Amino acid sequence: MKYVIIGGDAAGMSAAMQIVRHDEKAEVTTLEMGEVYSYAQCGLPYVVGGAIDSFDSLIARSIETFRDKYGIDARVNHEVKAVDVDKKLVSGDGFELPYDKLLVATGASPIVPPWDGVDLKGIHTVKTIPDTKALIEDLKGASKIAVIGGGYIGLEMAENFVEIGKEVTMIERNPRLAGIFDQEFSEKVGEEAVKHGIELRFNESVEGFEGSQMDRLLMC
């Protein structure tokens, strides 16, 4: 049976591994639109801060390992642009693949609101290794960082910006950080953030950006 999995992050590759373990005759192809498979995205902030020394440390298995050890046809730079469920085909630029079973495990992308000026230089999101490399390069000329969003990703990024000597402001539209937790815990998180030199602005919503470029701004 031919299995095609769209997406090369944790969910897609975990599924691929389970398939080959339970079906020795399975033909499994995974399609990743980027250049890297199966890496620990949660470690990206700590590459920025220097606690993790390289992006290579985040990569669990190489393409060659998936192919040679597990028999999974792992392909990079393969963005699926169409799925024909009647013919059971997936296709993109320069390729077309038949399947018996299809799994869509693409994950999510950062949501960027349609703010004025959102395309100015110095504004970033962090989701992938290329995103983070671009951010690190841009940080070389930055002294002040604004982080929009007070969830756990924003907090991790703010922590690591402080570690590399940046002046950090967090902007949160709600009255506290880490809103997925109860109020007591969230308040403790806020207190620790202030202790570490992070300026907190609550109950504020971004409406747009002005100027030729930002100092540096991260949307989380």
Protein backbone atom coordinates (compact mmCIF):
# COMPACT_ATOMS: atom_id res chain seq x y z
CA MET A 1 0.00 0.00 0.00
CA LYS A 2 1.23 3.48 -0.88
CA TYR A 3 1.12 6.10 1.86
CA VAL A 4 1.77 9.78 1.20
CA ILE A 5 2.26 12.15 4.12
CA ILE A 6 2.25 15.91 3.56
CA GLY A 7 4.45 17.54 6.17
CA GLY A 8 7.83 16.62 7.62
CA ASP A 9 7.56 17.80 11.21
CA ALA A 10 6.91 15.73 14.33
CA ALA A 11 3.36 14.61 13.56
CA GLY A 12 4.03 13.56 9.99
CA MET A 13 7.26 11.73 10.70
CA SER A 14 5.87 10.01 13.80
CA ALA A 15 3.05 8.69 11.64
CA ALA A 16 5.51 7.57 8.96
CA MET A 17 7.58 5.69 11.54
CA GLN A 18 4.51 3.94 12.93
CA ILE A 19 3.40 2.88 9.47
CA VAL A 20 6.71 1.24 8.56
CA ARG A 21 6.87 -0.49 11.95
CA HIS A 22 3.44 -2.05 11.52
CA ASP A 23 3.50 -2.72 7.78
CA GLU A 24 6.78 -4.01 6.34
CA LYS A 25 5.43 -3.79 2.81
CA ALA A 26 4.27 -0.20 3.09
CA GLU A 27 5.61 2.34 0.61
CA VAL A 28 5.80 5.60 2.54
CA THR A 29 6.61 8.95 0.94
CA THR A 30 6.78 12.14 2.97
CA LEU A 31 6.70 15.57 1.34
CA GLU A 32 8.20 18.58 3.09
CA MET A 33 8.00 22.04 1.54
CA GLY A 34 11.09 23.23 3.42
CA GLU A 35 14.66 21.97 3.50
CA VAL A 36 14.78 20.29 6.93
CA TYR A 37 12.99 17.29 8.41
CA SER A 38 11.98 16.41 11.93
CA TYR A 39 13.56 19.11 14.06
CA ALA A 40 12.71 20.44 17.52
CA GLN A 41 10.94 23.73 16.83
CA CYS A 42 10.63 24.38 20.55
CA GLY A 43 14.42 24.82 20.64
CA LEU A 44 14.52 27.71 18.17
CA PRO A 45 14.37 30.49 20.82
CA TYR A 46 17.33 28.91 22.60
CA VAL A 47 19.45 28.99 19.46
CA VAL A 48 18.75 32.73 19.37
CA GLY A 49 19.87 33.08 23.00
CA GLY A 50 22.90 30.83 22.62
CA ALA A 51 21.85 28.09 25.05
CA ILE A 52 21.74 25.73 22.06
CA ASP A 53 24.86 26.13 19.96
CA SER A 54 23.53 25.33 16.50
CA PHE A 55 20.47 24.45 14.45
CA ASP A 56 22.02 21.05 13.75
CA SER A 57 21.48 20.19 17.42
CA LEU A 58 17.72 20.47 16.85
CA ILE A 59 17.58 17.94 14.02
CA ALA A 60 16.57 14.50 15.25
CA ARG A 61 17.11 12.49 12.06
CA SER A 62 18.49 13.30 8.64
CA ILE A 63 16.80 12.57 5.32
CA GLU A 64 19.39 9.87 4.73
CA THR A 65 18.49 8.17 8.01
CA PHE A 66 14.81 8.08 7.11
CA ARG A 67 15.60 6.66 3.69
CA ASP A 68 18.41 4.21 4.49
CA LYS A 69 17.41 2.97 7.94
CA TYR A 70 13.62 3.13 7.80
CA GLY A 71 12.85 2.92 4.10
CA ILE A 72 10.88 6.17 4.08
CA ASP A 73 11.11 8.21 0.89
CA ALA A 74 11.61 11.59 2.55
CA ARG A 75 11.59 14.48 0.09
CA VAL A 76 12.42 18.14 0.72
CA ASN A 77 11.42 21.22 -1.27
CA HIS A 78 8.20 19.45 -2.28
CA GLU A 79 5.26 21.77 -1.76
CA VAL A 80 1.94 20.08 -2.49
CA LYS A 81 -0.33 22.43 -4.39
CA ALA A 82 -3.19 20.12 -5.34
CA VAL A 83 -4.88 16.93 -4.15
CA ASP A 84 -7.16 14.98 -6.48
CA VAL A 85 -9.17 12.76 -4.15
CA ASP A 86 -10.98 11.04 -7.03
CA LYS A 87 -7.79 9.99 -8.80
CA LYS A 88 -5.86 9.74 -5.51
CA LEU A 89 -3.03 11.99 -6.65
CA VAL A 90 -1.04 14.75 -4.99
CA SER A 91 0.91 17.19 -7.13
CA GLY A 92 3.15 20.22 -7.06
CA ASP A 93 5.71 21.92 -9.26
CA GLY A 94 7.40 19.14 -11.19
CA PHE A 95 5.92 16.14 -9.40
CA GLU A 96 2.80 14.02 -9.15
CA LEU A 97 2.34 11.09 -6.77
CA PRO A 98 -0.38 8.46 -6.46
CA TYR A 99 -1.50 7.28 -3.03
CA ASP A 100 -3.72 4.69 -1.40
CA LYS A 101 -3.76 6.51 1.94
CA LEU A 102 -3.07 10.21 2.47
CA LEU A 103 -2.21 12.05 5.68
CA VAL A 104 -2.12 15.84 5.84
CA ALA A 105 0.20 16.83 8.69
CA THR A 106 1.29 20.30 7.64
CA GLY A 107 1.04 21.97 11.03
CA ALA A 108 0.26 25.67 11.34
CA SER A 109 1.77 28.93 10.17
CA PRO A 110 1.98 32.19 12.13
CA ILE A 111 -1.09 34.37 11.69
CA VAL A 112 -0.08 37.89 10.72
CA PRO A 113 -2.96 40.40 11.00
CA PRO A 114 -3.39 42.82 8.10
CA TRP A 115 -1.80 45.74 9.97
CA ASP A 116 -0.54 48.80 8.15
CA GLY A 117 3.23 48.62 7.79
CA VAL A 118 3.48 44.94 8.63
CA ASP A 119 5.88 44.43 5.72
CA LEU A 120 8.44 46.92 7.04
CA LYS A 121 12.00 45.70 7.49
CA GLY A 122 12.73 44.41 10.98
CA ILE A 123 9.40 42.66 11.60
CA HIS A 124 9.60 38.89 12.06
CA THR A 125 7.69 35.77 13.00
CA VAL A 126 9.39 32.61 14.26
CA LYS A 127 8.23 29.18 13.15
CA THR A 128 10.99 27.59 11.10
CA ILE A 129 14.76 27.40 10.95
CA PRO A 130 14.90 29.86 7.99
CA ASP A 131 12.68 32.28 9.98
CA THR A 132 15.06 32.09 12.91
CA LYS A 133 18.20 32.46 10.80
CA ALA A 134 16.75 35.65 9.28
CA LEU A 135 15.92 36.95 12.76
CA ILE A 136 19.42 36.22 14.10
CA GLU A 137 21.00 38.04 11.18
CA ASP A 138 18.72 41.02 11.71
CA LEU A 139 19.46 41.15 15.45
CA LYS A 140 23.06 42.16 14.79
CA GLY A 141 22.05 45.78 14.37
CA ALA A 142 19.28 45.87 16.97
CA SER A 143 19.25 47.14 20.54
CA LYS A 144 15.53 47.27 21.30
CA ILE A 145 13.06 44.43 20.66
CA ALA A 146 9.28 44.54 20.90
CA VAL A 147 7.52 41.19 21.23
CA ILE A 148 3.83 41.15 20.35
CA GLY A 149 2.10 38.39 22.26
CA GLY A 150 2.56 37.16 25.81
CA GLY A 151 2.12 33.43 25.31
CA TYR A 152 4.80 30.85 25.91
CA ILE A 153 6.55 31.40 22.57
CA GLY A 154 6.70 35.15 23.12
CA LEU A 155 8.03 34.57 26.64
CA GLU A 156 10.73 32.19 25.45
CA MET A 157 11.80 34.65 22.79
CA ALA A 158 11.81 37.56 25.25
CA GLU A 159 13.90 35.54 27.70
CA ASN A 160 16.50 34.80 25.05
CA PHE A 161 16.60 38.35 23.75
CA VAL A 162 17.46 39.47 27.29
CA GLU A 163 20.18 36.79 27.41
CA ILE A 164 21.93 38.40 24.44
CA GLY A 165 21.69 41.88 25.91
CA LYS A 166 18.67 43.34 24.16
CA GLU A 167 16.16 45.76 25.67
CA VAL A 168 12.80 43.98 25.48
CA THR A 169 9.20 45.17 25.63
CA MET A 170 6.30 42.73 25.53
CA ILE A 171 2.92 43.92 24.26
CA GLU A 172 -0.09 41.86 25.34
CA ARG A 173 -3.71 42.74 24.62
CA ASN A 174 -4.92 40.83 27.69
CA PRO A 175 -4.37 41.89 31.33
CA ARG A 176 -1.72 39.20 32.02
CA LEU A 177 0.89 36.97 30.42
CA ALA A 178 0.55 33.25 29.78
CA GLY A 179 -3.22 33.40 29.64
CA ILE A 180 -3.59 29.65 29.18
CA PHE A 181 -2.70 29.26 32.86
CA ASP A 182 -4.61 30.38 35.96
CA GLN A 183 -4.26 33.92 37.23
CA GLU A 184 -1.94 33.12 40.14
CA PHE A 185 0.55 31.36 37.88
CA SER A 186 0.31 34.07 35.21
CA GLU A 187 1.04 36.77 37.76
CA LYS A 188 4.16 34.90 38.89
CA VAL A 189 5.30 34.69 35.27
CA GLY A 190 4.82 38.44 34.93
CA GLU A 191 6.79 39.11 38.11
CA GLU A 192 9.70 36.99 36.88
CA ALA A 193 9.65 38.73 33.51
CA VAL A 194 9.95 42.13 35.20
CA LYS A 195 12.79 40.84 37.42
CA HIS A 196 14.66 39.91 34.26
CA GLY A 197 14.31 43.42 32.88
CA ILE A 198 11.41 42.92 30.47
CA GLU A 199 8.99 45.84 30.15
CA LEU A 200 5.39 44.66 30.10
CA ARG A 201 2.49 46.48 28.47
CA PHE A 202 -0.92 44.97 29.12
CA ASN A 203 -4.34 45.76 27.62
CA GLU A 204 -2.73 47.21 24.52
CA SER A 205 -3.54 46.19 20.95
CA VAL A 206 -1.31 46.86 17.97
CA GLU A 207 -3.02 48.70 15.13
CA GLY A 208 -0.13 49.26 12.74
CA PHE A 209 3.49 50.27 12.23
CA GLU A 210 5.04 53.51 11.05
CA GLY A 211 8.46 54.55 9.82
CA SER A 212 10.94 53.33 7.24
CA GLN A 213 11.77 50.28 9.36
CA MET A 214 11.38 48.92 12.89
CA ASP A 215 14.29 48.61 15.30
CA ARG A 216 13.29 44.96 15.64
CA LEU A 217 9.88 43.46 16.29
CA LEU A 218 8.75 39.87 16.73
CA MET A 219 5.16 38.64 16.44
CA CYS A 220 4.39 35.58 18.55
